[in-house]
N, C-alpha and C. Protein backbone atom coordinates (compact mmCIF):
# COMPACT_ATOMS: atom_id res chain seq x y z
N MET A 1 329.19 -13.25 100.32
CA MET A 1 329.62 -13.02 99.30
C MET A 1 329.22 -11.65 99.33
N GLN A 2 330.32 -10.62 99.14
CA GLN A 2 330.00 -9.52 99.15
C GLN A 2 329.51 -9.01 97.99
N ASP A 3 328.16 -7.77 98.52
CA ASP A 3 327.20 -7.35 97.18
C ASP A 3 328.60 -6.43 96.30
N SER A 4 328.11 -6.76 95.17
CA SER A 4 329.46 -5.98 94.01
C SER A 4 328.76 -4.76 93.91
N LEU A 5 327.54 -4.20 94.50
CA LEU A 5 327.53 -2.86 94.16
C LEU A 5 327.52 -2.01 95.34
N ASN A 6 328.25 -2.60 96.41
CA ASN A 6 327.93 -2.00 97.86
C ASN A 6 329.40 -1.89 98.22
N VAL A 7 329.49 -0.69 99.14
CA VAL A 7 330.94 -0.90 100.00
C VAL A 7 330.71 -0.36 101.45
N THR A 8 331.17 -1.35 102.29
CA THR A 8 330.99 -0.82 103.62
C THR A 8 332.37 -0.85 104.49
N GLN A 9 332.83 -0.41 105.29
CA GLN A 9 333.60 0.03 106.53
C GLN A 9 333.21 0.14 107.92
N GLN A 10 333.77 -0.44 108.51
CA GLN A 10 333.32 0.28 110.16
C GLN A 10 334.46 0.29 110.96
N ILE A 11 334.17 0.82 111.82
CA ILE A 11 335.32 1.19 113.07
C ILE A 11 334.42 1.36 114.69
N ASP A 12 335.27 0.89 115.41
CA ASP A 12 334.63 1.46 116.80
C ASP A 12 335.68 2.25 117.36
N ILE A 13 334.92 3.49 117.80
CA ILE A 13 335.06 4.60 118.52
C ILE A 13 334.98 4.70 120.11
N TYR A 14 335.84 4.92 120.55
CA TYR A 14 335.98 4.94 122.33
C TYR A 14 334.96 6.47 122.62
N ALA A 15 334.33 6.47 122.22
CA ALA A 15 333.06 7.89 123.17
C ALA A 15 331.84 7.33 122.80
N SER A 16 330.99 8.01 123.36
CA SER A 16 329.75 7.77 123.47
C SER A 16 328.93 7.76 122.22
N ARG A 17 327.84 7.64 121.73
CA ARG A 17 326.96 8.13 120.64
C ARG A 17 326.35 9.34 120.36
N ILE A 18 326.37 10.09 121.64
CA ILE A 18 326.37 11.55 121.37
C ILE A 18 327.68 12.33 120.63
N GLN A 19 328.63 12.10 121.55
CA GLN A 19 329.96 12.43 120.97
C GLN A 19 330.21 12.34 119.61
N VAL A 20 329.99 11.05 118.92
CA VAL A 20 330.58 10.72 117.47
C VAL A 20 329.09 11.55 116.75
N TRP A 21 327.96 11.13 117.31
CA TRP A 21 326.77 12.32 116.58
C TRP A 21 327.26 13.69 116.45
N GLN A 22 327.62 14.21 117.35
CA GLN A 22 328.14 15.76 117.50
C GLN A 22 328.56 15.86 116.21
N VAL A 23 329.85 15.11 116.07
CA VAL A 23 330.94 15.27 115.34
C VAL A 23 330.16 15.00 113.60
N LEU A 24 329.67 13.75 113.39
CA LEU A 24 329.27 13.42 112.22
C LEU A 24 328.31 14.39 111.45
N ALA A 25 327.13 14.85 112.55
CA ALA A 25 326.09 15.40 111.87
C ALA A 25 326.27 16.84 111.59
N ASP A 26 327.69 17.47 112.03
CA ASP A 26 327.45 18.83 111.88
C ASP A 26 328.63 18.85 110.63
N LEU A 27 327.72 19.10 109.49
CA LEU A 27 328.50 18.70 108.12
C LEU A 27 329.29 20.07 107.61
N THR A 28 328.98 21.34 108.74
CA THR A 28 330.14 22.51 108.23
C THR A 28 331.21 22.19 108.77
N ALA A 29 331.46 21.28 109.93
CA ALA A 29 332.91 21.09 110.97
C ALA A 29 333.39 20.57 109.80
N HIS A 30 333.00 19.48 108.81
CA HIS A 30 333.87 18.31 108.05
C HIS A 30 334.74 19.22 107.85
N ASN A 31 335.01 20.33 107.09
CA ASN A 31 336.29 20.50 106.74
C ASN A 31 337.05 20.79 106.83
N ALA A 32 337.31 20.78 108.53
CA ALA A 32 338.41 20.68 109.48
C ALA A 32 338.96 19.40 109.57
N TRP A 33 338.79 18.32 109.34
CA TRP A 33 338.94 17.10 109.66
C TRP A 33 338.69 15.92 108.54
N ASN A 34 337.63 15.97 107.97
CA ASN A 34 337.07 15.14 106.58
C ASN A 34 338.07 14.81 105.20
N PRO A 35 338.78 13.76 105.09
CA PRO A 35 339.82 13.87 104.28
C PRO A 35 339.58 13.43 102.58
N ASN A 36 337.77 12.85 102.87
CA ASN A 36 336.97 12.55 101.54
C ASN A 36 336.33 13.49 100.93
N PHE A 37 335.94 14.77 101.38
CA PHE A 37 335.02 15.70 100.85
C PHE A 37 335.12 17.01 101.65
N GLN A 38 334.82 17.97 101.14
CA GLN A 38 334.61 19.24 101.75
C GLN A 38 333.23 20.00 101.68
N VAL A 39 332.83 20.67 102.30
CA VAL A 39 331.32 21.15 102.22
C VAL A 39 331.37 21.91 101.75
N GLU A 40 330.86 22.37 100.79
CA GLU A 40 330.77 23.72 100.13
C GLU A 40 329.21 24.79 100.74
N GLU A 41 328.40 23.72 100.55
CA GLU A 41 327.17 24.46 101.10
C GLU A 41 326.46 23.65 101.98
N ALA A 42 325.77 23.55 103.70
CA ALA A 42 324.99 22.57 104.23
C ALA A 42 324.05 23.44 104.81
N PRO A 43 322.74 22.74 104.92
CA PRO A 43 321.47 23.22 105.76
C PRO A 43 322.39 23.39 107.29
N PRO A 44 321.63 24.35 108.20
CA PRO A 44 322.23 24.74 109.20
C PRO A 44 321.89 23.39 110.45
N HIS A 45 320.68 22.61 109.64
CA HIS A 45 319.90 21.44 110.61
C HIS A 45 319.76 20.37 109.96
N LEU A 46 320.37 19.48 110.19
CA LEU A 46 319.69 18.18 109.42
C LEU A 46 318.35 17.92 109.54
N LYS A 47 317.88 17.56 108.05
CA LYS A 47 316.14 17.31 107.93
C LYS A 47 316.16 16.37 106.49
N VAL A 48 315.06 15.10 106.77
CA VAL A 48 314.88 14.99 105.29
C VAL A 48 314.54 15.92 104.51
N GLY A 49 315.00 15.74 103.16
CA GLY A 49 314.56 16.72 102.12
C GLY A 49 315.79 17.92 101.99
N ALA A 50 316.71 17.99 102.83
CA ALA A 50 317.61 19.19 102.96
C ALA A 50 318.67 18.62 102.03
N GLN A 51 319.24 19.60 101.42
CA GLN A 51 320.18 19.46 100.30
C GLN A 51 321.86 20.33 101.00
N ALA A 52 322.81 19.13 100.50
CA ALA A 52 324.10 19.71 100.54
C ALA A 52 324.78 19.79 99.52
N ARG A 53 326.21 20.96 99.30
CA ARG A 53 327.01 20.57 98.38
C ARG A 53 327.78 20.20 98.50
N LEU A 54 328.97 19.36 97.96
CA LEU A 54 330.15 18.87 98.94
C LEU A 54 331.01 18.80 97.55
N HIS A 55 332.36 18.48 97.90
CA HIS A 55 333.55 18.35 96.84
C HIS A 55 334.15 17.46 97.09
N ALA A 56 333.87 16.40 96.44
CA ALA A 56 334.73 15.01 96.61
C ALA A 56 335.88 15.17 96.13
N ALA A 57 336.52 14.32 96.80
CA ALA A 57 338.28 13.92 96.28
C ALA A 57 339.04 15.09 95.77
N PRO A 58 338.74 16.45 96.72
CA PRO A 58 339.60 17.69 96.25
C PRO A 58 340.81 17.40 96.27
N ASP A 59 341.65 18.38 95.17
CA ASP A 59 343.04 17.83 94.82
C ASP A 59 343.41 16.71 94.04
N THR A 60 342.85 16.24 93.54
CA THR A 60 342.96 15.05 93.04
C THR A 60 342.52 14.78 91.28
N PRO A 61 342.47 13.99 90.64
CA PRO A 61 342.01 13.97 89.30
C PRO A 61 340.23 13.89 89.38
N GLN A 62 340.15 12.95 90.08
CA GLN A 62 338.91 12.34 90.61
C GLN A 62 337.70 13.62 91.36
N ALA A 63 338.29 14.73 91.24
CA ALA A 63 337.34 15.74 92.28
C ALA A 63 336.31 16.19 91.42
N ARG A 64 335.30 16.21 92.03
CA ARG A 64 334.02 16.46 91.44
C ARG A 64 333.01 17.05 92.89
N VAL A 65 332.15 18.19 92.27
CA VAL A 65 331.23 18.86 93.28
C VAL A 65 329.80 18.18 92.61
N PHE A 66 329.27 17.69 93.94
CA PHE A 66 327.83 17.09 93.53
C PHE A 66 326.75 17.53 94.94
N THR A 67 325.47 17.66 94.34
CA THR A 67 324.64 17.64 95.60
C THR A 67 323.97 16.86 96.02
N ILE A 68 323.66 16.59 97.24
CA ILE A 68 323.15 15.35 98.25
C ILE A 68 321.96 15.74 98.52
N GLU A 69 321.29 14.81 98.73
CA GLU A 69 319.79 15.12 99.43
C GLU A 69 319.55 13.90 100.72
N ILE A 70 319.29 14.84 102.01
CA ILE A 70 319.51 13.98 102.77
C ILE A 70 317.63 12.87 102.92
N LEU A 71 318.14 11.75 103.22
CA LEU A 71 316.78 10.48 103.23
C LEU A 71 316.25 10.63 104.38
N GLU A 72 317.38 10.06 105.19
CA GLU A 72 317.10 9.74 107.00
C GLU A 72 318.28 10.61 107.69
N VAL A 73 316.95 10.59 108.83
CA VAL A 73 318.01 11.64 110.31
C VAL A 73 317.17 10.75 111.08
N THR A 74 318.24 9.91 111.67
CA THR A 74 317.62 9.45 113.09
C THR A 74 318.70 9.23 114.40
N GLU A 75 318.21 10.75 114.76
CA GLU A 75 319.40 11.34 116.15
C GLU A 75 320.09 10.13 116.65
N LEU A 76 321.47 10.21 116.90
CA LEU A 76 322.13 9.45 117.48
C LEU A 76 322.14 7.90 116.88
N ALA A 77 321.58 7.75 115.68
CA ALA A 77 321.49 6.51 115.05
C ALA A 77 322.03 5.94 113.28
N VAL A 78 321.44 7.26 112.67
CA VAL A 78 321.56 7.04 111.42
C VAL A 78 321.28 8.40 110.73
N LEU A 79 322.29 8.83 109.64
CA LEU A 79 322.19 9.86 108.41
C LEU A 79 322.82 8.81 107.29
N GLU A 80 321.67 9.30 106.49
CA GLU A 80 321.71 8.62 104.93
C GLU A 80 321.41 9.88 104.07
N TRP A 81 322.08 10.10 102.80
CA TRP A 81 322.01 10.53 102.26
C TRP A 81 322.33 10.21 100.65
N GLN A 82 321.51 10.59 99.44
CA GLN A 82 321.64 10.50 98.25
C GLN A 82 322.24 11.70 97.50
N GLY A 83 323.30 11.10 96.40
CA GLY A 83 323.51 12.01 95.41
C GLY A 83 323.98 11.17 94.16
N GLY A 84 324.39 11.80 93.01
CA GLY A 84 324.96 11.36 91.89
C GLY A 84 323.50 11.58 90.98
N GLU A 85 323.97 11.14 89.65
CA GLU A 85 322.85 10.90 88.63
C GLU A 85 321.94 9.93 88.56
N PRO A 86 320.83 9.79 88.83
CA PRO A 86 319.82 8.76 88.63
C PRO A 86 319.95 7.90 87.39
N GLY A 87 319.92 6.67 87.53
CA GLY A 87 319.89 6.09 85.81
C GLY A 87 321.37 5.67 85.42
N VAL A 88 322.24 6.69 86.12
CA VAL A 88 323.44 6.83 85.45
C VAL A 88 324.54 6.24 86.51
N PHE A 89 324.85 7.20 87.39
CA PHE A 89 325.67 6.62 88.43
C PHE A 89 325.12 6.86 89.85
N GLN A 90 324.25 6.56 90.76
CA GLN A 90 323.72 7.22 92.14
C GLN A 90 324.46 6.25 93.08
N GLY A 91 324.43 7.15 94.18
CA GLY A 91 324.72 6.28 95.48
C GLY A 91 323.81 6.52 96.49
N ILE A 92 323.74 5.82 97.79
CA ILE A 92 323.07 6.26 98.81
C ILE A 92 324.19 6.09 99.69
N HIS A 93 324.53 7.02 100.61
CA HIS A 93 325.51 7.06 101.61
C HIS A 93 324.68 6.67 102.95
N ARG A 94 325.35 5.63 104.07
CA ARG A 94 324.47 5.58 104.95
C ARG A 94 325.60 5.46 106.50
N PHE A 95 325.45 6.40 107.06
CA PHE A 95 326.27 5.97 108.64
C PHE A 95 325.27 5.44 109.84
N GLU A 96 325.49 4.66 110.31
CA GLU A 96 324.81 4.11 111.03
C GLU A 96 325.83 3.97 112.37
N LEU A 97 325.06 4.16 113.60
CA LEU A 97 325.92 4.39 115.13
C LEU A 97 325.35 3.59 115.88
N HIS A 98 326.41 2.48 116.45
CA HIS A 98 325.71 1.32 117.24
C HIS A 98 326.12 1.38 118.38
N GLU A 99 325.50 1.64 119.60
CA GLU A 99 326.32 1.47 120.76
C GLU A 99 326.97 0.29 121.14
N GLN A 100 327.93 0.40 121.45
CA GLN A 100 328.76 -0.58 122.13
C GLN A 100 328.73 -1.06 123.60
N GLY A 101 328.82 0.02 124.20
CA GLY A 101 328.84 0.02 125.82
C GLY A 101 328.83 1.58 125.99
N PRO A 102 328.81 1.70 127.17
CA PRO A 102 328.94 3.62 127.56
C PRO A 102 330.06 4.51 126.96
N ASN A 103 331.01 3.97 126.67
CA ASN A 103 331.62 5.21 125.74
C ASN A 103 332.22 4.37 124.55
N GLN A 104 331.55 3.48 124.14
CA GLN A 104 332.07 2.74 122.65
C GLN A 104 331.18 2.85 121.48
N THR A 105 331.20 3.43 120.90
CA THR A 105 330.05 3.10 119.56
C THR A 105 330.99 2.76 118.02
N GLN A 106 330.18 1.83 117.69
CA GLN A 106 330.37 1.18 116.33
C GLN A 106 330.04 1.82 115.36
N LEU A 107 331.01 2.58 114.30
CA LEU A 107 330.49 3.16 112.89
C LEU A 107 330.46 2.20 111.83
N VAL A 108 329.53 2.28 111.60
CA VAL A 108 328.96 1.32 110.10
C VAL A 108 328.77 2.24 108.77
N ASN A 109 329.86 2.17 107.72
CA ASN A 109 329.84 3.54 107.16
C ASN A 109 329.70 2.93 105.76
N SER A 110 328.56 3.06 104.85
CA SER A 110 328.31 2.20 103.82
C SER A 110 327.86 3.04 102.69
N GLU A 111 327.86 2.51 101.39
CA GLU A 111 327.07 3.35 100.12
C GLU A 111 326.70 2.19 99.35
N SER A 112 325.40 2.27 98.80
CA SER A 112 325.04 1.20 97.78
C SER A 112 324.86 2.24 96.42
N PHE A 113 325.43 1.51 95.11
CA PHE A 113 325.53 2.41 94.04
C PHE A 113 324.33 1.76 93.35
N SER A 114 323.70 2.37 92.19
CA SER A 114 322.71 1.96 91.50
C SER A 114 323.15 2.86 89.95
N GLY A 115 322.39 2.28 89.12
CA GLY A 115 322.69 3.07 87.67
C GLY A 115 323.46 2.07 86.59
N GLU A 116 323.39 2.58 85.19
CA GLU A 116 324.15 1.54 84.29
C GLU A 116 325.51 2.00 84.44
N MET A 117 326.15 2.53 84.72
CA MET A 117 327.76 2.80 85.07
C MET A 117 328.38 2.33 86.49
N ALA A 118 327.17 1.84 87.32
CA ALA A 118 327.74 1.62 88.89
C ALA A 118 328.50 0.06 89.03
N ALA A 119 328.22 -0.82 87.91
CA ALA A 119 328.76 -1.99 88.17
C ALA A 119 330.48 -2.01 87.90
N THR A 120 330.77 -0.43 86.31
CA THR A 120 331.83 -0.65 85.94
C THR A 120 332.48 0.14 86.70
N VAL A 121 332.23 1.17 87.45
CA VAL A 121 332.76 2.17 88.35
C VAL A 121 333.21 1.55 89.41
N LEU A 122 332.54 0.73 90.12
CA LEU A 122 332.75 -0.35 91.22
C LEU A 122 334.49 -1.15 90.71
N GLN A 123 333.92 -1.84 89.56
CA GLN A 123 335.01 -2.82 89.52
C GLN A 123 336.67 -2.15 89.22
N THR A 124 336.62 -0.87 88.57
CA THR A 124 337.28 0.19 88.74
C THR A 124 338.06 0.53 89.92
N SER A 125 336.99 1.15 90.98
CA SER A 125 337.27 1.90 91.65
C SER A 125 337.29 1.09 93.17
N ARG A 126 337.17 0.06 93.36
CA ARG A 126 336.48 0.06 94.79
C ARG A 126 337.50 0.10 95.82
N SER A 127 338.65 -0.78 95.68
CA SER A 127 339.55 -0.52 96.30
C SER A 127 340.04 1.09 96.69
N GLY A 128 339.88 1.97 95.81
CA GLY A 128 340.04 3.30 96.64
C GLY A 128 338.99 3.87 97.28
N LEU A 129 337.83 3.13 96.63
CA LEU A 129 336.68 3.70 97.59
C LEU A 129 336.74 3.02 99.20
N GLU A 130 336.99 2.03 99.32
CA GLU A 130 337.55 1.27 100.54
C GLU A 130 338.20 1.83 101.26
N GLN A 131 339.38 2.44 100.52
CA GLN A 131 340.40 3.24 101.46
C GLN A 131 340.01 4.54 101.87
N GLY A 132 338.97 5.29 100.90
CA GLY A 132 338.69 6.59 101.38
C GLY A 132 337.66 6.45 102.65
N PHE A 133 336.73 5.58 102.48
CA PHE A 133 335.72 4.79 103.53
C PHE A 133 336.57 4.96 104.92
N ALA A 134 337.73 4.21 104.92
CA ALA A 134 338.52 3.75 106.14
C ALA A 134 339.26 5.02 106.53
N ALA A 135 339.74 5.78 105.91
CA ALA A 135 340.37 6.91 105.82
C ALA A 135 339.26 7.93 107.03
N PHE A 136 338.27 8.28 105.91
CA PHE A 136 337.04 8.62 106.49
C PHE A 136 336.73 8.32 107.53
N ASN A 137 336.29 7.05 108.30
CA ASN A 137 336.45 6.31 109.52
C ASN A 137 337.21 6.58 110.64
N GLU A 138 338.71 6.41 110.28
CA GLU A 138 339.66 6.72 111.13
C GLU A 138 339.93 8.38 111.50
N ALA A 139 339.78 9.41 110.35
CA ALA A 139 339.51 10.96 110.70
C ALA A 139 338.38 10.96 111.70
N LEU A 140 337.29 10.57 111.49
CA LEU A 140 335.77 10.83 112.67
C LEU A 140 336.54 10.53 113.91
N LYS A 141 337.06 9.10 114.16
CA LYS A 141 337.44 8.35 115.45
C LYS A 141 338.48 9.18 115.93
N LYS A 142 339.35 9.85 115.23
CA LYS A 142 340.30 10.44 116.11
C LYS A 142 339.85 11.77 116.44
N ARG A 143 338.87 12.50 115.57
CA ARG A 143 338.61 13.84 115.99
C ARG A 143 337.51 13.34 116.84
N VAL A 144 336.58 12.56 117.26
CA VAL A 144 335.80 12.13 118.04
C VAL A 144 336.70 12.11 119.93
N GLU A 145 337.60 11.25 119.57
CA GLU A 145 338.44 10.76 120.48
C GLU A 145 339.27 11.83 121.37
N ALA A 146 339.69 12.64 120.36
CA ALA A 146 340.21 13.75 120.81
C ALA A 146 339.55 14.78 121.51
N GLY A 147 338.25 14.78 121.12
CA GLY A 147 337.35 15.61 122.11
C GLY A 147 336.82 14.87 123.10
N ALA A 148 336.59 13.55 123.14
CA ALA A 148 335.75 12.76 124.08
C ALA A 148 337.00 12.56 125.31
N SER A 149 338.18 12.69 125.10
CA SER A 149 339.15 12.69 126.40
C SER A 149 339.60 13.58 126.85
N GLN A 150 338.94 15.12 126.60
CA GLN A 150 339.12 16.53 127.19
C GLN A 150 338.18 16.63 128.65
């Protein structure tokens, strides 16, 4: 049974974990390919405790700007951050890279939500969130594989 406060999408990318990580971890370059958010401010190097400002769902009625805090950085494997308003609506977003072969990486893109509004928001927005995660995954795959084939 799917946990009602989690959203997860995954995709196989035909490139090494190093190639996927280089694109995923370069937050400042996300603006060139990421359909879900634009990065307004980001640290030059990812590290636990660092913060970034993201503009989610730009050019839509759901557009919002929020600050994320990096919770975990395990090079070539995990990037995790949290954002939102604690107790009201907060998300912990996690990207995991799993090597499937020398030039194949599985990306698991997930978010766990908490707070008094989480269940209501997910009840009304789950489909859109899943579509957004899938669009992010496809865009990352396209970006990485285009670079990997050069």
